[in-house]
Amino acid sequence: MENGSPRWGFRGNDELNMASEITIRGMLNLLMRNLNEADHRTTIPLGHGDPSVFPCFRTTSVAEDAIADAVRSGKFNGYSSTVGILPARRGPGGLPFPLFCNITYMSRLELTQQNKGTQITL
């Protein structure tokens, strides 16, 4: 109460202070500490950023060749028209399975089936 002014009664909220100590890195470390050590499957940390260091995420040579062919052709060196690029619009029609609204979920299932023995952590 300096100079006769009232004293303010602010205090920190202990719950909020404790919550602010929880970090993403801390949660990842907690998850990694709780992995089953007897399980020898490869763990892929999805927060890593660059998946190319894991052999199961290498780009197939078919995709690399297709990109190189598209660049060399000169057909795709500018902006597309307002309706897009016809081969890109037709692309999904050549898939061996129908597209559904849950295609992302289907892709995850395929990834899991193709890479048996790989443990994916969030």
N, C-alpha and C. Protein backbone atom coordinates (compact mmCIF):
# COMPACT_ATOMS: atom_id res chain seq x y z
N MET A 1 0.82 -1.17 0.00
CA MET A 1 0.00 0.00 0.00
C MET A 1 0.87 1.24 0.00
N GLU A 2 1.57 1.40 -1.07
CA GLU A 2 2.40 2.59 -1.18
C GLU A 2 1.54 3.80 -1.49
N ASN A 3 1.87 4.89 -0.90
CA ASN A 3 1.20 6.16 -1.16
C ASN A 3 -0.32 6.08 -0.97
N GLY A 4 -0.79 5.18 -0.13
CA GLY A 4 -2.22 5.09 0.14
C GLY A 4 -3.03 4.39 -0.93
N SER A 5 -2.40 3.82 -1.97
CA SER A 5 -3.15 3.11 -3.02
C SER A 5 -3.50 1.69 -2.54
N PRO A 6 -4.60 1.15 -3.02
CA PRO A 6 -5.00 -0.20 -2.58
C PRO A 6 -4.02 -1.26 -3.08
N ARG A 7 -3.94 -2.36 -2.36
CA ARG A 7 -3.06 -3.46 -2.75
C ARG A 7 -3.84 -4.45 -3.61
N TRP A 8 -3.25 -4.81 -4.71
CA TRP A 8 -3.89 -5.77 -5.61
C TRP A 8 -3.59 -7.18 -5.12
N GLY A 9 -4.55 -8.08 -5.24
CA GLY A 9 -4.39 -9.44 -4.72
C GLY A 9 -4.25 -10.49 -5.80
N PHE A 10 -3.39 -10.25 -6.79
CA PHE A 10 -3.20 -11.23 -7.86
C PHE A 10 -2.30 -12.37 -7.40
N ARG A 11 -2.67 -13.57 -7.76
CA ARG A 11 -1.83 -14.75 -7.51
C ARG A 11 -1.91 -15.64 -8.74
N GLY A 12 -0.89 -16.42 -8.93
CA GLY A 12 -0.90 -17.37 -10.04
C GLY A 12 -1.84 -18.54 -9.75
N ASN A 13 -2.38 -19.13 -10.81
CA ASN A 13 -3.24 -20.30 -10.69
C ASN A 13 -2.34 -21.53 -10.75
N ASP A 14 -2.25 -22.29 -9.65
CA ASP A 14 -1.35 -23.44 -9.59
C ASP A 14 -1.65 -24.48 -10.66
N GLU A 15 -2.94 -24.72 -10.95
CA GLU A 15 -3.30 -25.70 -11.97
C GLU A 15 -2.78 -25.27 -13.34
N LEU A 16 -2.94 -24.00 -13.66
CA LEU A 16 -2.45 -23.51 -14.94
C LEU A 16 -0.93 -23.53 -15.01
N ASN A 17 -0.28 -23.21 -13.91
CA ASN A 17 1.18 -23.27 -13.89
C ASN A 17 1.68 -24.69 -14.13
N MET A 18 1.02 -25.67 -13.53
CA MET A 18 1.42 -27.07 -13.73
C MET A 18 1.14 -27.51 -15.16
N ALA A 19 0.00 -27.08 -15.72
CA ALA A 19 -0.35 -27.47 -17.09
C ALA A 19 0.65 -26.89 -18.09
N SER A 20 1.18 -25.71 -17.82
CA SER A 20 2.11 -25.10 -18.76
C SER A 20 3.47 -25.80 -18.76
N GLU A 21 3.72 -26.66 -17.77
CA GLU A 21 4.98 -27.40 -17.72
C GLU A 21 4.94 -28.65 -18.60
N ILE A 22 3.76 -29.03 -19.11
CA ILE A 22 3.63 -30.21 -19.97
C ILE A 22 3.98 -29.78 -21.40
N THR A 23 4.97 -30.45 -21.99
CA THR A 23 5.40 -30.12 -23.34
C THR A 23 5.19 -31.30 -24.27
N ILE A 24 5.20 -31.04 -25.56
CA ILE A 24 5.09 -32.11 -26.55
C ILE A 24 6.29 -33.04 -26.43
N ARG A 25 7.47 -32.48 -26.28
CA ARG A 25 8.68 -33.31 -26.12
C ARG A 25 8.55 -34.21 -24.90
N GLY A 26 8.01 -33.66 -23.81
CA GLY A 26 7.80 -34.46 -22.61
C GLY A 26 6.85 -35.61 -22.84
N MET A 27 5.78 -35.36 -23.59
CA MET A 27 4.82 -36.43 -23.90
C MET A 27 5.46 -37.49 -24.79
N LEU A 28 6.25 -37.06 -25.79
CA LEU A 28 6.93 -38.03 -26.65
C LEU A 28 7.91 -38.88 -25.84
N ASN A 29 8.64 -38.25 -24.94
CA ASN A 29 9.57 -39.01 -24.09
C ASN A 29 8.81 -40.00 -23.22
N LEU A 30 7.66 -39.59 -22.70
CA LEU A 30 6.84 -40.49 -21.89
C LEU A 30 6.38 -41.70 -22.71
N LEU A 31 5.93 -41.44 -23.95
CA LEU A 31 5.52 -42.54 -24.82
C LEU A 31 6.69 -43.48 -25.11
N MET A 32 7.84 -42.92 -25.43
CA MET A 32 9.00 -43.75 -25.77
C MET A 32 9.46 -44.58 -24.57
N ARG A 33 9.36 -44.02 -23.36
CA ARG A 33 9.75 -44.77 -22.16
C ARG A 33 8.80 -45.93 -21.89
N ASN A 34 7.56 -45.84 -22.38
CA ASN A 34 6.56 -46.86 -22.09
C ASN A 34 6.40 -47.88 -23.21
N LEU A 35 7.29 -47.86 -24.21
CA LEU A 35 7.24 -48.89 -25.25
C LEU A 35 7.70 -50.22 -24.66
N ASN A 36 7.15 -51.28 -25.19
CA ASN A 36 7.52 -52.62 -24.73
C ASN A 36 8.92 -52.95 -25.24
N GLU A 37 9.87 -53.11 -24.34
CA GLU A 37 11.26 -53.39 -24.74
C GLU A 37 11.41 -54.76 -25.38
N ALA A 38 10.49 -55.68 -25.11
CA ALA A 38 10.54 -57.01 -25.71
C ALA A 38 10.06 -56.99 -27.16
N ASP A 39 9.41 -55.92 -27.56
CA ASP A 39 8.91 -55.78 -28.93
C ASP A 39 10.02 -55.16 -29.78
N HIS A 40 10.57 -55.92 -30.70
CA HIS A 40 11.73 -55.47 -31.47
C HIS A 40 11.36 -54.87 -32.82
N ARG A 41 10.09 -54.55 -33.01
CA ARG A 41 9.70 -53.91 -34.27
C ARG A 41 10.29 -52.50 -34.32
N THR A 42 10.55 -52.03 -35.52
CA THR A 42 11.09 -50.68 -35.70
C THR A 42 10.05 -49.66 -35.28
N THR A 43 10.46 -48.68 -34.52
CA THR A 43 9.56 -47.60 -34.11
C THR A 43 9.81 -46.40 -35.00
N ILE A 44 8.75 -45.90 -35.60
CA ILE A 44 8.87 -44.74 -36.48
C ILE A 44 8.29 -43.53 -35.76
N PRO A 45 9.12 -42.59 -35.35
CA PRO A 45 8.59 -41.40 -34.68
C PRO A 45 7.97 -40.45 -35.70
N LEU A 46 6.65 -40.33 -35.68
CA LEU A 46 5.97 -39.52 -36.69
C LEU A 46 6.26 -38.03 -36.54
N GLY A 47 6.80 -37.60 -35.43
CA GLY A 47 7.17 -36.21 -35.26
C GLY A 47 8.56 -35.91 -35.79
N HIS A 48 9.21 -36.89 -36.37
CA HIS A 48 10.58 -36.75 -36.86
C HIS A 48 10.67 -35.71 -37.97
N GLY A 49 9.67 -35.67 -38.83
CA GLY A 49 9.66 -34.69 -39.91
C GLY A 49 10.09 -35.27 -41.25
N ASP A 50 11.25 -35.88 -41.34
CA ASP A 50 11.76 -36.41 -42.60
C ASP A 50 11.69 -37.93 -42.56
N PRO A 51 10.69 -38.53 -43.23
CA PRO A 51 10.56 -39.98 -43.17
C PRO A 51 11.57 -40.73 -44.04
N SER A 52 12.35 -40.03 -44.85
CA SER A 52 13.23 -40.71 -45.79
C SER A 52 14.38 -41.46 -45.12
N VAL A 53 14.61 -41.22 -43.83
CA VAL A 53 15.68 -41.96 -43.15
C VAL A 53 15.25 -43.39 -42.82
N PHE A 54 13.97 -43.69 -42.97
CA PHE A 54 13.47 -45.04 -42.71
C PHE A 54 13.29 -45.76 -44.04
N PRO A 55 13.88 -46.94 -44.22
CA PRO A 55 13.82 -47.65 -45.50
C PRO A 55 12.41 -47.92 -45.99
N CYS A 56 11.46 -48.12 -45.10
CA CYS A 56 10.10 -48.43 -45.54
C CYS A 56 9.39 -47.21 -46.13
N PHE A 57 9.97 -46.02 -46.02
CA PHE A 57 9.37 -44.82 -46.58
C PHE A 57 10.15 -44.28 -47.77
N ARG A 58 10.97 -45.08 -48.36
CA ARG A 58 11.71 -44.64 -49.55
C ARG A 58 10.73 -44.45 -50.71
N THR A 59 10.99 -43.46 -51.54
CA THR A 59 10.16 -43.24 -52.72
C THR A 59 10.48 -44.30 -53.75
N THR A 60 9.44 -44.90 -54.30
CA THR A 60 9.64 -45.94 -55.30
C THR A 60 10.23 -45.34 -56.57
N SER A 61 11.01 -46.12 -57.27
CA SER A 61 11.64 -45.62 -58.50
C SER A 61 10.60 -45.31 -59.57
N VAL A 62 9.45 -45.97 -59.53
CA VAL A 62 8.38 -45.69 -60.49
C VAL A 62 7.91 -44.24 -60.33
N ALA A 63 7.74 -43.79 -59.09
CA ALA A 63 7.32 -42.41 -58.84
C ALA A 63 8.41 -41.42 -59.26
N GLU A 64 9.66 -41.74 -58.95
CA GLU A 64 10.77 -40.86 -59.33
C GLU A 64 10.85 -40.72 -60.84
N ASP A 65 10.72 -41.85 -61.56
CA ASP A 65 10.77 -41.82 -63.03
C ASP A 65 9.60 -41.03 -63.61
N ALA A 66 8.41 -41.18 -63.02
CA ALA A 66 7.24 -40.45 -63.52
C ALA A 66 7.43 -38.95 -63.35
N ILE A 67 8.00 -38.53 -62.24
CA ILE A 67 8.25 -37.10 -62.01
C ILE A 67 9.29 -36.58 -63.00
N ALA A 68 10.37 -37.34 -63.19
CA ALA A 68 11.41 -36.93 -64.13
C ALA A 68 10.86 -36.84 -65.55
N ASP A 69 10.04 -37.82 -65.94
CA ASP A 69 9.45 -37.80 -67.28
C ASP A 69 8.54 -36.58 -67.46
N ALA A 70 7.77 -36.24 -66.43
CA ALA A 70 6.87 -35.09 -66.52
C ALA A 70 7.67 -33.79 -66.66
N VAL A 71 8.77 -33.68 -65.93
CA VAL A 71 9.60 -32.47 -66.02
C VAL A 71 10.25 -32.38 -67.39
N ARG A 72 10.78 -33.49 -67.89
CA ARG A 72 11.47 -33.48 -69.19
C ARG A 72 10.51 -33.23 -70.35
N SER A 73 9.24 -33.59 -70.21
CA SER A 73 8.30 -33.46 -71.31
C SER A 73 8.01 -32.00 -71.65
N GLY A 74 8.15 -31.10 -70.69
CA GLY A 74 7.85 -29.69 -70.93
C GLY A 74 6.36 -29.39 -70.91
N LYS A 75 5.53 -30.38 -70.70
CA LYS A 75 4.08 -30.16 -70.70
C LYS A 75 3.57 -29.53 -69.41
N PHE A 76 4.36 -29.59 -68.37
CA PHE A 76 3.87 -29.16 -67.07
C PHE A 76 4.75 -28.07 -66.47
N ASN A 77 5.35 -27.23 -67.30
CA ASN A 77 6.28 -26.21 -66.83
C ASN A 77 5.62 -24.86 -66.58
N GLY A 78 4.33 -24.81 -66.44
CA GLY A 78 3.65 -23.55 -66.18
C GLY A 78 2.43 -23.78 -65.31
N TYR A 79 1.67 -22.73 -65.13
CA TYR A 79 0.45 -22.85 -64.34
C TYR A 79 -0.58 -23.67 -65.13
N SER A 80 -1.39 -24.41 -64.42
CA SER A 80 -2.45 -25.16 -65.10
C SER A 80 -3.59 -24.22 -65.45
N SER A 81 -4.46 -24.68 -66.32
CA SER A 81 -5.65 -23.89 -66.65
C SER A 81 -6.57 -23.89 -65.44
N THR A 82 -7.61 -23.10 -65.51
CA THR A 82 -8.52 -23.00 -64.36
C THR A 82 -9.25 -24.30 -64.08
N VAL A 83 -9.35 -25.17 -65.06
CA VAL A 83 -10.03 -26.46 -64.83
C VAL A 83 -9.05 -27.55 -64.44
N GLY A 84 -7.77 -27.22 -64.35
CA GLY A 84 -6.78 -28.20 -63.92
C GLY A 84 -6.12 -28.92 -65.08
N ILE A 85 -5.34 -29.94 -64.76
CA ILE A 85 -4.62 -30.72 -65.76
C ILE A 85 -5.38 -32.03 -65.96
N LEU A 86 -5.77 -32.30 -67.20
CA LEU A 86 -6.61 -33.46 -67.49
C LEU A 86 -6.05 -34.77 -66.95
N PRO A 87 -4.76 -35.11 -67.17
CA PRO A 87 -4.26 -36.38 -66.62
C PRO A 87 -4.35 -36.45 -65.10
N ALA A 88 -4.18 -35.31 -64.44
CA ALA A 88 -4.29 -35.31 -62.98
C ALA A 88 -5.73 -35.52 -62.54
N ARG A 89 -6.68 -34.96 -63.30
CA ARG A 89 -8.09 -35.16 -62.96
C ARG A 89 -8.52 -36.59 -63.23
N ARG A 90 -7.94 -37.22 -64.23
CA ARG A 90 -8.29 -38.61 -64.55
C ARG A 90 -7.54 -39.61 -63.68
N GLY A 91 -6.47 -39.18 -63.05
CA GLY A 91 -5.61 -40.08 -62.28
C GLY A 91 -6.31 -41.03 -61.34
N PRO A 92 -7.18 -40.55 -60.45
CA PRO A 92 -7.82 -41.47 -59.51
C PRO A 92 -8.67 -42.54 -60.17
N GLY A 93 -9.11 -42.31 -61.42
CA GLY A 93 -9.93 -43.31 -62.10
C GLY A 93 -9.18 -44.58 -62.43
N GLY A 94 -7.85 -44.54 -62.41
CA GLY A 94 -7.07 -45.72 -62.74
C GLY A 94 -6.69 -46.56 -61.54
N LEU A 95 -7.22 -46.24 -60.37
CA LEU A 95 -6.87 -47.01 -59.18
C LEU A 95 -7.56 -48.38 -59.20
N PRO A 96 -6.92 -49.39 -58.62
CA PRO A 96 -7.50 -50.74 -58.62
C PRO A 96 -8.62 -50.91 -57.59
N PHE A 97 -8.96 -49.84 -56.86
CA PHE A 97 -10.02 -49.92 -55.86
C PHE A 97 -10.82 -48.62 -55.91
N PRO A 98 -12.09 -48.66 -55.52
CA PRO A 98 -12.90 -47.43 -55.55
C PRO A 98 -12.49 -46.46 -54.46
N LEU A 99 -12.68 -45.17 -54.72
CA LEU A 99 -12.38 -44.14 -53.73
C LEU A 99 -13.61 -43.89 -52.87
N PHE A 100 -13.39 -43.80 -51.57
CA PHE A 100 -14.47 -43.51 -50.63
C PHE A 100 -14.06 -42.31 -49.79
N CYS A 101 -14.97 -41.81 -48.99
CA CYS A 101 -14.66 -40.65 -48.17
C CYS A 101 -13.62 -40.98 -47.10
N ASN A 102 -13.44 -42.25 -46.76
CA ASN A 102 -12.47 -42.63 -45.73
C ASN A 102 -11.20 -43.19 -46.35
N ILE A 103 -10.79 -42.64 -47.49
CA ILE A 103 -9.61 -43.14 -48.20
C ILE A 103 -8.35 -43.02 -47.35
N THR A 104 -8.26 -41.98 -46.51
CA THR A 104 -7.08 -41.84 -45.65
C THR A 104 -6.97 -43.01 -44.71
N TYR A 105 -8.10 -43.43 -44.16
CA TYR A 105 -8.11 -44.58 -43.26
C TYR A 105 -7.69 -45.84 -44.02
N MET A 106 -8.18 -45.98 -45.25
CA MET A 106 -7.81 -47.14 -46.05
C MET A 106 -6.31 -47.13 -46.33
N SER A 107 -5.76 -45.96 -46.61
CA SER A 107 -4.33 -45.86 -46.88
C SER A 107 -3.53 -46.27 -45.67
N ARG A 108 -3.98 -45.89 -44.49
CA ARG A 108 -3.27 -46.27 -43.27
C ARG A 108 -3.31 -47.78 -43.09
N LEU A 109 -4.45 -48.39 -43.41
CA LEU A 109 -4.56 -49.84 -43.30
C LEU A 109 -3.59 -50.52 -44.25
N GLU A 110 -3.52 -50.02 -45.49
CA GLU A 110 -2.61 -50.60 -46.46
C GLU A 110 -1.16 -50.45 -45.99
N LEU A 111 -0.82 -49.31 -45.45
CA LEU A 111 0.54 -49.08 -44.95
C LEU A 111 0.86 -50.07 -43.85
N THR A 112 -0.09 -50.29 -42.96
CA THR A 112 0.14 -51.22 -41.85
C THR A 112 0.30 -52.64 -42.38
N GLN A 113 -0.51 -53.03 -43.36
CA GLN A 113 -0.43 -54.38 -43.89
C GLN A 113 0.87 -54.59 -44.67
N GLN A 114 1.29 -53.61 -45.43
CA GLN A 114 2.50 -53.76 -46.24
C GLN A 114 3.75 -53.75 -45.38
N ASN A 115 3.72 -53.06 -44.27
CA ASN A 115 4.91 -52.91 -43.44
C ASN A 115 4.75 -53.66 -42.12
N LYS A 116 4.33 -54.90 -42.20
CA LYS A 116 4.21 -55.67 -40.97
C LYS A 116 5.56 -55.71 -40.29
N GLY A 117 5.53 -55.63 -38.99
CA GLY A 117 6.79 -55.59 -38.25
C GLY A 117 7.24 -54.17 -37.96
N THR A 118 6.45 -53.18 -38.37
CA THR A 118 6.79 -51.80 -38.09
C THR A 118 5.79 -51.23 -37.10
N GLN A 119 6.28 -50.66 -36.04
CA GLN A 119 5.43 -50.05 -35.02
C GLN A 119 5.44 -48.56 -35.23
N ILE A 120 4.27 -47.95 -35.36
CA ILE A 120 4.18 -46.52 -35.60
C ILE A 120 3.71 -45.85 -34.32
N THR A 121 4.45 -44.85 -33.87
CA THR A 121 4.06 -44.12 -32.66
C THR A 121 3.72 -42.69 -33.00
N LEU A 122 2.82 -42.12 -32.23
CA LEU A 122 2.45 -40.71 -32.42
C LEU A 122 3.22 -39.85 -31.46
